[in-house]
Amino acid sequence: RIIWTLVAILIAAISIYFVIAQSKNFSIESFVNFITGSNPMW
């Protein structure tokens, strides 16, 4: 259980890094604005 949980966390981290690396325009600030500017009901 521990091994596969760690593997899943590692793959998740790599996936998120891959997604962010794909976009040259990504920034934490724009990401936060993307969330805060959305409709909470959705």
All heavy atoms as atom14 arrays in JSON, in Angstrom:
{
  "sequence": "RIIWTLVAILIAAISIYFVIAQSKNFSIESFVNFITGSNPMW",
  "atom14_mask": [
    [1, 1, 1, 1, 1, 1, 1, 1, 1, 1, 1, 0, 0, 0],
    [1, 1, 1, 1, 1, 1, 1, 1, 0, 0, 0, 0, 0, 0],
    [1, 1, 1, 1, 1, 1, 1, 1, 0, 0, 0, 0, 0, 0],
    [1, 1, 1, 1, 1, 1, 1, 1, 1, 1, 1, 1, 1, 1],
    [1, 1, 1, 1, 1, 1, 1, 0, 0, 0, 0, 0, 0, 0],
    [1, 1, 1, 1, 1, 1, 1, 1, 0, 0, 0, 0, 0, 0],
    [1, 1, 1, 1, 1, 1, 1, 0, 0, 0, 0, 0, 0, 0],
    [1, 1, 1, 1, 1, 0, 0, 0, 0, 0, 0, 0, 0, 0],
    [1, 1, 1, 1, 1, 1, 1, 1, 0, 0, 0, 0, 0, 0],
    [1, 1, 1, 1, 1, 1, 1, 1, 0, 0, 0, 0, 0, 0],
    [1, 1, 1, 1, 1, 1, 1, 1, 0, 0, 0, 0, 0, 0],
    [1, 1, 1, 1, 1, 0, 0, 0, 0, 0, 0, 0, 0, 0],
    [1, 1, 1, 1, 1, 0, 0, 0, 0, 0, 0, 0, 0, 0],
    [1, 1, 1, 1, 1, 1, 1, 1, 0, 0, 0, 0, 0, 0],
    [1, 1, 1, 1, 1, 1, 0, 0, 0, 0, 0, 0, 0, 0],
    [1, 1, 1, 1, 1, 1, 1, 1, 0, 0, 0, 0, 0, 0],
    [1, 1, 1, 1, 1, 1, 1, 1, 1, 1, 1, 1, 0, 0],
    [1, 1, 1, 1, 1, 1, 1, 1, 1, 1, 1, 0, 0, 0],
    [1, 1, 1, 1, 1, 1, 1, 0, 0, 0, 0, 0, 0, 0],
    [1, 1, 1, 1, 1, 1, 1, 1, 0, 0, 0, 0, 0, 0],
    [1, 1, 1, 1, 1, 0, 0, 0, 0, 0, 0, 0, 0, 0],
    [1, 1, 1, 1, 1, 1, 1, 1, 1, 0, 0, 0, 0, 0],
    [1, 1, 1, 1, 1, 1, 0, 0, 0, 0, 0, 0, 0, 0],
    [1, 1, 1, 1, 1, 1, 1, 1, 1, 0, 0, 0, 0, 0],
    [1, 1, 1, 1, 1, 1, 1, 1, 0, 0, 0, 0, 0, 0],
    [1, 1, 1, 1, 1, 1, 1, 1, 1, 1, 1, 0, 0, 0],
    [1, 1, 1, 1, 1, 1, 0, 0, 0, 0, 0, 0, 0, 0],
    [1, 1, 1, 1, 1, 1, 1, 1, 0, 0, 0, 0, 0, 0],
    [1, 1, 1, 1, 1, 1, 1, 1, 1, 0, 0, 0, 0, 0],
    [1, 1, 1, 1, 1, 1, 0, 0, 0, 0, 0, 0, 0, 0],
    [1, 1, 1, 1, 1, 1, 1, 1, 1, 1, 1, 0, 0, 0],
    [1, 1, 1, 1, 1, 1, 1, 0, 0, 0, 0, 0, 0, 0],
    [1, 1, 1, 1, 1, 1, 1, 1, 0, 0, 0, 0, 0, 0],
    [1, 1, 1, 1, 1, 1, 1, 1, 1, 1, 1, 0, 0, 0],
    [1, 1, 1, 1, 1, 1, 1, 1, 0, 0, 0, 0, 0, 0],
    [1, 1, 1, 1, 1, 1, 1, 0, 0, 0, 0, 0, 0, 0],
    [1, 1, 1, 1, 0, 0, 0, 0, 0, 0, 0, 0, 0, 0],
    [1, 1, 1, 1, 1, 1, 0, 0, 0, 0, 0, 0, 0, 0],
    [1, 1, 1, 1, 1, 1, 1, 1, 0, 0, 0, 0, 0, 0],
    [1, 1, 1, 1, 1, 1, 1, 0, 0, 0, 0, 0, 0, 0],
    [1, 1, 1, 1, 1, 1, 1, 1, 0, 0, 0, 0, 0, 0],
    [1, 1, 1, 1, 1, 1, 1, 1, 1, 1, 1, 1, 1, 1]
  ],
  "atom14_positions": [
    [[0.83, -1.2, 0.0], [0.0, 0.0, 0.0], [0.87, 1.25, 0.0], [0.6, 2.21, -0.73], [-0.93, 0.01, 1.23], [-2.0, -1.05, 1.21], [-3.14, -0.67, 2.13], [-2.7, -0.42, 3.5], [-2.64, -1.35, 4.44], [-2.96, -2.6, 4.15], [-2.26, -1.05, 5.66], [0.0, 0.0, 0.0], [0.0, 0.0, 0.0], [0.0, 0.0, 0.0]],
    [[1.92, 1.23, 0.83], [2.82, 2.39, 0.92], [3.55, 2.61, -0.4], [3.66, 3.74, -0.89], [3.83, 2.2, 2.08], [3.11, 2.2, 3.43], [4.89, 3.3, 2.04], [4.0, 1.85, 4.6], [0.0, 0.0, 0.0], [0.0, 0.0, 0.0], [0.0, 0.0, 0.0], [0.0, 0.0, 0.0], [0.0, 0.0, 0.0], [0.0, 0.0, 0.0]],
    [[4.04, 1.51, -0.99], [4.78, 1.61, -2.24], [3.92, 2.21, -3.34], [4.32, 3.16, -4.02], [5.31, 0.22, -2.69], [6.44, -0.24, -1.75], [5.82, 0.28, -4.14], [6.91, -1.66, -2.01], [0.0, 0.0, 0.0], [0.0, 0.0, 0.0], [0.0, 0.0, 0.0], [0.0, 0.0, 0.0], [0.0, 0.0, 0.0], [0.0, 0.0, 0.0]],
    [[2.71, 1.67, -3.52], [1.85, 2.15, -4.6], [1.33, 3.56, -4.33], [1.1, 4.33, -5.27], [0.69, 1.18, -4.83], [1.14, -0.04, -5.57], [1.09, -1.32, -5.14], [1.74, -0.08, -6.87], [1.62, -2.17, -6.07], [2.02, -1.43, -7.15], [2.06, 0.89, -7.81], [2.61, -1.82, -8.35], [2.65, 0.5, -9.0], [2.91, -0.84, -9.26]],
    [[1.16, 3.91, -3.06], [0.75, 5.28, -2.74], [1.86, 6.25, -3.13], [1.59, 7.31, -3.72], [0.43, 5.42, -1.24], [-0.65, 4.54, -0.9], [0.02, 6.85, -0.91], [0.0, 0.0, 0.0], [0.0, 0.0, 0.0], [0.0, 0.0, 0.0], [0.0, 0.0, 0.0], [0.0, 0.0, 0.0], [0.0, 0.0, 0.0], [0.0, 0.0, 0.0]],
    [[3.1, 5.89, -2.81], [4.24, 6.74, -3.17], [4.4, 6.84, -4.68], [4.7, 7.91, -5.22], [5.52, 6.19, -2.53], [5.61, 6.29, -0.99], [6.87, 5.6, -0.49], [5.59, 7.76, -0.55], [0.0, 0.0, 0.0], [0.0, 0.0, 0.0], [0.0, 0.0, 0.0], [0.0, 0.0, 0.0], [0.0, 0.0, 0.0], [0.0, 0.0, 0.0]],
    [[4.2, 5.71, -5.38], [4.28, 5.71, -6.84], [3.22, 6.63, -7.42], [3.49, 7.42, -8.34], [4.11, 4.28, -7.4], [3.93, 4.32, -8.92], [5.31, 3.42, -7.05], [0.0, 0.0, 0.0], [0.0, 0.0, 0.0], [0.0, 0.0, 0.0], [0.0, 0.0, 0.0], [0.0, 0.0, 0.0], [0.0, 0.0, 0.0], [0.0, 0.0, 0.0]],
    [[2.0, 6.54, -6.88], [0.9, 7.39, -7.36], [1.21, 8.87, -7.13], [0.95, 9.71, -8.0], [-0.41, 7.0, -6.67], [0.0, 0.0, 0.0], [0.0, 0.0, 0.0], [0.0, 0.0, 0.0], [0.0, 0.0, 0.0], [0.0, 0.0, 0.0], [0.0, 0.0, 0.0], [0.0, 0.0, 0.0], [0.0, 0.0, 0.0], [0.0, 0.0, 0.0]],
    [[1.76, 9.19, -5.95], [2.12, 10.59, -5.64], [3.19, 11.09, -6.6], [3.13, 12.22, -7.1], [2.59, 10.71, -4.18], [1.41, 10.45, -3.23], [3.18, 12.1, -3.92], [1.82, 10.37, -1.77], [0.0, 0.0, 0.0], [0.0, 0.0, 0.0], [0.0, 0.0, 0.0], [0.0, 0.0, 0.0], [0.0, 0.0, 0.0], [0.0, 0.0, 0.0]],
    [[4.18, 10.22, -6.87], [5.27, 10.59, -7.78], [4.72, 10.85, -9.19], [5.07, 11.86, -9.82], [6.32, 9.47, -7.83], [7.49, 9.69, -8.8], [8.28, 10.94, -8.42], [8.4, 8.47, -8.82], [0.0, 0.0, 0.0], [0.0, 0.0, 0.0], [0.0, 0.0, 0.0], [0.0, 0.0, 0.0], [0.0, 0.0, 0.0], [0.0, 0.0, 0.0]],
    [[3.86, 9.95, -9.67], [3.28, 10.12, -11.01], [2.42, 11.38, -11.06], [2.44, 12.12, -12.05], [2.45, 8.88, -11.39], [3.36, 7.66, -11.55], [1.69, 9.13, -12.71], [2.62, 6.38, -11.83], [0.0, 0.0, 0.0], [0.0, 0.0, 0.0], [0.0, 0.0, 0.0], [0.0, 0.0, 0.0], [0.0, 0.0, 0.0], [0.0, 0.0, 0.0]],
    [[1.68, 11.64, -9.97], [0.85, 12.85, -9.92], [1.72, 14.09, -10.0], [1.4, 15.04, -10.73], [0.03, 12.85, -8.63], [0.0, 0.0, 0.0], [0.0, 0.0, 0.0], [0.0, 0.0, 0.0], [0.0, 0.0, 0.0], [0.0, 0.0, 0.0], [0.0, 0.0, 0.0], [0.0, 0.0, 0.0], [0.0, 0.0, 0.0], [0.0, 0.0, 0.0]],
    [[2.84, 14.09, -9.25], [3.74, 15.23, -9.26], [4.35, 15.44, -10.65], [4.43, 16.57, -11.15], [4.85, 15.03, -8.23], [0.0, 0.0, 0.0], [0.0, 0.0, 0.0], [0.0, 0.0, 0.0], [0.0, 0.0, 0.0], [0.0, 0.0, 0.0], [0.0, 0.0, 0.0], [0.0, 0.0, 0.0], [0.0, 0.0, 0.0], [0.0, 0.0, 0.0]],
    [[4.75, 14.34, -11.3], [5.32, 14.43, -12.64], [4.28, 14.93, -13.63], [4.57, 15.75, -14.52], [5.87, 13.05, -13.09], [7.07, 12.66, -12.22], [6.26, 13.08, -14.56], [7.57, 11.25, -12.47], [0.0, 0.0, 0.0], [0.0, 0.0, 0.0], [0.0, 0.0, 0.0], [0.0, 0.0, 0.0], [0.0, 0.0, 0.0], [0.0, 0.0, 0.0]],
    [[3.03, 14.44, -13.47], [1.95, 14.86, -14.37], [1.68, 16.35, -14.26], [1.52, 17.05, -15.27], [0.67, 14.07, -14.06], [0.87, 12.69, -14.24], [0.0, 0.0, 0.0], [0.0, 0.0, 0.0], [0.0, 0.0, 0.0], [0.0, 0.0, 0.0], [0.0, 0.0, 0.0], [0.0, 0.0, 0.0], [0.0, 0.0, 0.0], [0.0, 0.0, 0.0]],
    [[1.61, 16.83, -13.02], [1.36, 18.26, -12.79], [2.51, 19.08, -13.36], [2.29, 20.13, -14.0], [1.17, 18.54, -11.29], [-0.13, 17.88, -10.8], [1.13, 20.04, -11.02], [-0.32, 17.93, -9.29], [0.0, 0.0, 0.0], [0.0, 0.0, 0.0], [0.0, 0.0, 0.0], [0.0, 0.0, 0.0], [0.0, 0.0, 0.0], [0.0, 0.0, 0.0]],
    [[3.74, 18.62, -13.14], [4.91, 19.33, -13.68], [4.84, 19.36, -15.22], [5.11, 20.38, -15.84], [6.2, 18.63, -13.24], [7.44, 19.21, -13.9], [7.99, 20.42, -13.46], [8.03, 18.56, -14.98], [9.11, 20.96, -14.09], [9.14, 19.09, -15.61], [9.68, 20.28, -15.16], [10.78, 20.81, -15.78], [0.0, 0.0, 0.0], [0.0, 0.0, 0.0]],
    [[4.46, 18.22, -15.8], [4.35, 18.13, -17.26], [3.32, 19.13, -17.79], [3.56, 19.82, -18.78], [3.95, 16.71, -17.66], [3.53, 16.57, -19.09], [4.46, 16.5, -20.12], [2.17, 16.51, -19.42], [4.06, 16.38, -21.44], [1.77, 16.4, -20.74], [2.72, 16.33, -21.75], [0.0, 0.0, 0.0], [0.0, 0.0, 0.0], [0.0, 0.0, 0.0]],
    [[2.18, 19.19, -17.11], [1.11, 20.1, -17.54], [1.58, 21.55, -17.48], [1.37, 22.33, -18.4], [-0.15, 19.91, -16.66], [-1.18, 21.01, -16.93], [-0.76, 18.54, -16.91], [0.0, 0.0, 0.0], [0.0, 0.0, 0.0], [0.0, 0.0, 0.0], [0.0, 0.0, 0.0], [0.0, 0.0, 0.0], [0.0, 0.0, 0.0], [0.0, 0.0, 0.0]],
    [[2.23, 21.9, -16.36], [2.7, 23.27, -16.19], [3.82, 23.6, -17.18], [3.86, 24.69, -17.76], [3.2, 23.49, -14.74], [2.01, 23.38, -13.76], [3.87, 24.85, -14.59], [2.41, 23.43, -12.3], [0.0, 0.0, 0.0], [0.0, 0.0, 0.0], [0.0, 0.0, 0.0], [0.0, 0.0, 0.0], [0.0, 0.0, 0.0], [0.0, 0.0, 0.0]],
    [[4.71, 22.62, -17.39], [5.84, 22.84, -18.31], [5.38, 23.03, -19.75], [6.05, 23.7, -20.54], [6.81, 21.66, -18.22], [0.0, 0.0, 0.0], [0.0, 0.0, 0.0], [0.0, 0.0, 0.0], [0.0, 0.0, 0.0], [0.0, 0.0, 0.0], [0.0, 0.0, 0.0], [0.0, 0.0, 0.0], [0.0, 0.0, 0.0], [0.0, 0.0, 0.0]],
    [[4.22, 22.45, -20.08], [3.7, 22.57, -21.43], [3.3, 24.01, -21.78], [3.28, 24.4, -22.93], [2.47, 21.66, -21.61], [2.81, 20.18, -21.76], [3.48, 19.91, -23.09], [4.71, 19.79, -23.18], [2.7, 19.79, -24.14], [0.0, 0.0, 0.0], [0.0, 0.0, 0.0], [0.0, 0.0, 0.0], [0.0, 0.0, 0.0], [0.0, 0.0, 0.0]],
    [[2.94, 24.77, -20.73], [2.49, 26.13, -20.96], [3.56, 27.13, -20.53], [3.91, 27.21, -19.35], [1.2, 26.4, -20.18], [0.81, 27.75, -20.32], [0.0, 0.0, 0.0], [0.0, 0.0, 0.0], [0.0, 0.0, 0.0], [0.0, 0.0, 0.0], [0.0, 0.0, 0.0], [0.0, 0.0, 0.0], [0.0, 0.0, 0.0], [0.0, 0.0, 0.0]],
    [[4.07, 27.88, -21.48], [5.08, 28.89, -21.17], [4.46, 30.09, -20.46], [5.17, 30.87, -19.82], [5.76, 29.35, -22.47], [6.5, 28.23, -23.2], [7.09, 28.72, -24.51], [7.79, 27.6, -25.26], [8.34, 28.05, -26.56], [0.0, 0.0, 0.0], [0.0, 0.0, 0.0], [0.0, 0.0, 0.0], [0.0, 0.0, 0.0], [0.0, 0.0, 0.0]],
    [[3.13, 30.21, -20.58], [2.45, 31.37, -19.99], [1.89, 31.11, -18.6], [1.23, 31.96, -18.03], [1.3, 31.81, -20.92], [1.78, 32.2, -22.3], [2.82, 32.84, -22.42], [1.06, 31.79, -23.33], [0.0, 0.0, 0.0], [0.0, 0.0, 0.0], [0.0, 0.0, 0.0], [0.0, 0.0, 0.0], [0.0, 0.0, 0.0], [0.0, 0.0, 0.0]],
    [[2.15, 29.9, -18.07], [1.59, 29.58, -16.75], [2.3, 30.37, -15.65], [3.52, 30.53, -15.65], [1.72, 28.09, -16.45], [1.22, 27.71, -15.09], [-0.13, 27.48, -14.87], [2.1, 27.6, -14.02], [-0.61, 27.14, -13.62], [1.63, 27.25, -12.75], [0.28, 27.02, -12.56], [0.0, 0.0, 0.0], [0.0, 0.0, 0.0], [0.0, 0.0, 0.0]],
    [[1.49, 30.85, -14.69], [2.05, 31.5, -13.51], [1.11, 31.26, -12.34], [-0.11, 31.09, -12.54], [2.24, 33.0, -13.74], [0.98, 33.65, -13.81], [0.0, 0.0, 0.0], [0.0, 0.0, 0.0], [0.0, 0.0, 0.0], [0.0, 0.0, 0.0], [0.0, 0.0, 0.0], [0.0, 0.0, 0.0], [0.0, 0.0, 0.0], [0.0, 0.0, 0.0]],
    [[1.65, 31.24, -11.14], [0.83, 31.03, -9.94], [-0.22, 32.14, -9.82], [-1.37, 31.89, -9.48], [1.71, 31.01, -8.67], [2.7, 29.84, -8.73], [0.84, 30.91, -7.44], [2.05, 28.47, -8.74], [0.0, 0.0, 0.0], [0.0, 0.0, 0.0], [0.0, 0.0, 0.0], [0.0, 0.0, 0.0], [0.0, 0.0, 0.0], [0.0, 0.0, 0.0]],
    [[0.19, 33.35, -10.14], [-0.72, 34.49, -10.03], [-1.93, 34.33, -10.96], [-3.08, 34.54, -10.55], [0.02, 35.79, -10.37], [-0.85, 37.04, -10.21], [-0.08, 38.31, -10.55], [1.14, 38.24, -10.8], [-0.73, 39.38, -10.56], [0.0, 0.0, 0.0], [0.0, 0.0, 0.0], [0.0, 0.0, 0.0], [0.0, 0.0, 0.0], [0.0, 0.0, 0.0]],
    [[-1.66, 33.94, -12.21], [-2.76, 33.78, -13.16], [-3.65, 32.6, -12.77], [-4.87, 32.64, -12.95], [-2.21, 33.56, -14.57], [-1.5, 32.34, -14.66], [0.0, 0.0, 0.0], [0.0, 0.0, 0.0], [0.0, 0.0, 0.0], [0.0, 0.0, 0.0], [0.0, 0.0, 0.0], [0.0, 0.0, 0.0], [0.0, 0.0, 0.0], [0.0, 0.0, 0.0]],
    [[-3.03, 31.57, -12.19], [-3.8, 30.41, -11.74], [-4.74, 30.79, -10.61], [-5.92, 30.4, -10.59], [-2.84, 29.3, -11.28], [-3.52, 28.03, -10.85], [-4.2, 27.25, -11.77], [-3.49, 27.63, -9.52], [-4.82, 26.07, -11.38], [-4.11, 26.46, -9.12], [-4.77, 25.68, -10.05], [0.0, 0.0, 0.0], [0.0, 0.0, 0.0], [0.0, 0.0, 0.0]],
    [[-4.23, 31.57, -9.64], [-5.06, 32.03, -8.53], [-6.19, 32.93, -9.04], [-7.34, 32.81, -8.6], [-4.2, 32.79, -7.49], [-5.09, 33.43, -6.42], [-3.2, 31.84, -6.83], [0.0, 0.0, 0.0], [0.0, 0.0, 0.0], [0.0, 0.0, 0.0], [0.0, 0.0, 0.0], [0.0, 0.0, 0.0], [0.0, 0.0, 0.0], [0.0, 0.0, 0.0]],
    [[-5.86, 33.81, -9.96], [-6.88, 34.69, -10.55], [-7.93, 33.88, -11.31], [-9.11, 34.23, -11.32], [-6.23, 35.7, -11.5], [-5.39, 36.71, -10.76], [-5.61, 36.99, -9.58], [-4.4, 37.27, -11.45], [0.0, 0.0, 0.0], [0.0, 0.0, 0.0], [0.0, 0.0, 0.0], [0.0, 0.0, 0.0], [0.0, 0.0, 0.0], [0.0, 0.0, 0.0]],
    [[-7.47, 32.8, -11.93], [-8.38, 31.92, -12.67], [-9.43, 31.32, -11.73], [-10.6, 31.19, -12.09], [-7.55, 30.81, -13.32], [-8.26, 30.05, -14.41], [-8.54, 30.64, -15.62], [-8.63, 28.72, -14.22], [-9.18, 29.95, -16.64], [-9.27, 28.01, -15.22], [-9.55, 28.63, -16.44], [0.0, 0.0, 0.0], [0.0, 0.0, 0.0], [0.0, 0.0, 0.0]],
    [[-8.99, 30.99, -10.5], [-9.89, 30.4, -9.52], [-10.78, 31.45, -8.88], [-12.01, 31.31, -8.82], [-9.1, 29.66, -8.42], [-8.28, 28.5, -9.04], [-10.04, 29.11, -7.35], [-7.36, 27.83, -8.05], [0.0, 0.0, 0.0], [0.0, 0.0, 0.0], [0.0, 0.0, 0.0], [0.0, 0.0, 0.0], [0.0, 0.0, 0.0], [0.0, 0.0, 0.0]],
    [[-10.15, 32.53, -8.4], [-10.92, 33.56, -7.68], [-11.92, 34.28, -8.57], [-12.93, 34.8, -8.1], [-9.96, 34.6, -7.06], [-9.12, 35.14, -8.1], [-9.09, 33.95, -5.99], [0.0, 0.0, 0.0], [0.0, 0.0, 0.0], [0.0, 0.0, 0.0], [0.0, 0.0, 0.0], [0.0, 0.0, 0.0], [0.0, 0.0, 0.0], [0.0, 0.0, 0.0]],
    [[-11.66, 34.3, -9.86], [-12.57, 34.97, -10.77], [-13.7, 34.09, -11.26], [-14.52, 34.51, -12.08], [0.0, 0.0, 0.0], [0.0, 0.0, 0.0], [0.0, 0.0, 0.0], [0.0, 0.0, 0.0], [0.0, 0.0, 0.0], [0.0, 0.0, 0.0], [0.0, 0.0, 0.0], [0.0, 0.0, 0.0], [0.0, 0.0, 0.0], [0.0, 0.0, 0.0]],
    [[-13.77, 32.86, -10.75], [-14.8, 31.92, -11.2], [-16.04, 31.99, -10.32], [-16.03, 32.55, -9.22], [-14.23, 30.49, -11.2], [-13.82, 30.13, -9.9], [0.0, 0.0, 0.0], [0.0, 0.0, 0.0], [0.0, 0.0, 0.0], [0.0, 0.0, 0.0], [0.0, 0.0, 0.0], [0.0, 0.0, 0.0], [0.0, 0.0, 0.0], [0.0, 0.0, 0.0]],
    [[-17.11, 31.38, -10.81], [-18.39, 31.35, -10.1], [-18.4, 30.19, -9.1], [-18.31, 29.02, -9.49], [-19.53, 31.17, -11.11], [-20.89, 31.33, -10.46], [-21.09, 31.04, -9.3], [-21.86, 31.79, -11.25], [0.0, 0.0, 0.0], [0.0, 0.0, 0.0], [0.0, 0.0, 0.0], [0.0, 0.0, 0.0], [0.0, 0.0, 0.0], [0.0, 0.0, 0.0]],
    [[-18.5, 30.49, -7.79], [-18.44, 29.43, -6.77], [-19.57, 28.41, -6.88], [-19.41, 27.25, -6.47], [-18.53, 30.21, -5.45], [-19.15, 31.52, -5.81], [-18.66, 31.82, -7.18], [0.0, 0.0, 0.0], [0.0, 0.0, 0.0], [0.0, 0.0, 0.0], [0.0, 0.0, 0.0], [0.0, 0.0, 0.0], [0.0, 0.0, 0.0], [0.0, 0.0, 0.0]],
    [[-20.72, 28.8, -7.42], [-21.84, 27.87, -7.56], [-21.48, 26.72, -8.5], [-21.91, 25.58, -8.29], [-23.08, 28.6, -8.07], [-23.65, 29.64, -7.1], [-24.02, 28.92, -5.47], [-25.31, 27.75, -5.9], [0.0, 0.0, 0.0], [0.0, 0.0, 0.0], [0.0, 0.0, 0.0], [0.0, 0.0, 0.0], [0.0, 0.0, 0.0], [0.0, 0.0, 0.0]],
    [[-20.69, 27.02, -9.53], [-20.26, 25.96, -10.44], [-19.33, 24.97, -9.73], [-19.38, 23.77, -10.0], [-19.55, 26.56, -11.65], [-20.45, 27.23, -12.64], [-20.45, 28.56, -12.98], [-21.48, 26.63, -13.44], [-21.41, 28.83, -13.93], [-22.07, 27.66, -14.23], [-21.97, 25.33, -13.56], [-23.1, 27.41, -15.12], [-23.01, 25.09, -14.45], [-23.56, 26.12, -15.21]]
  ]
}
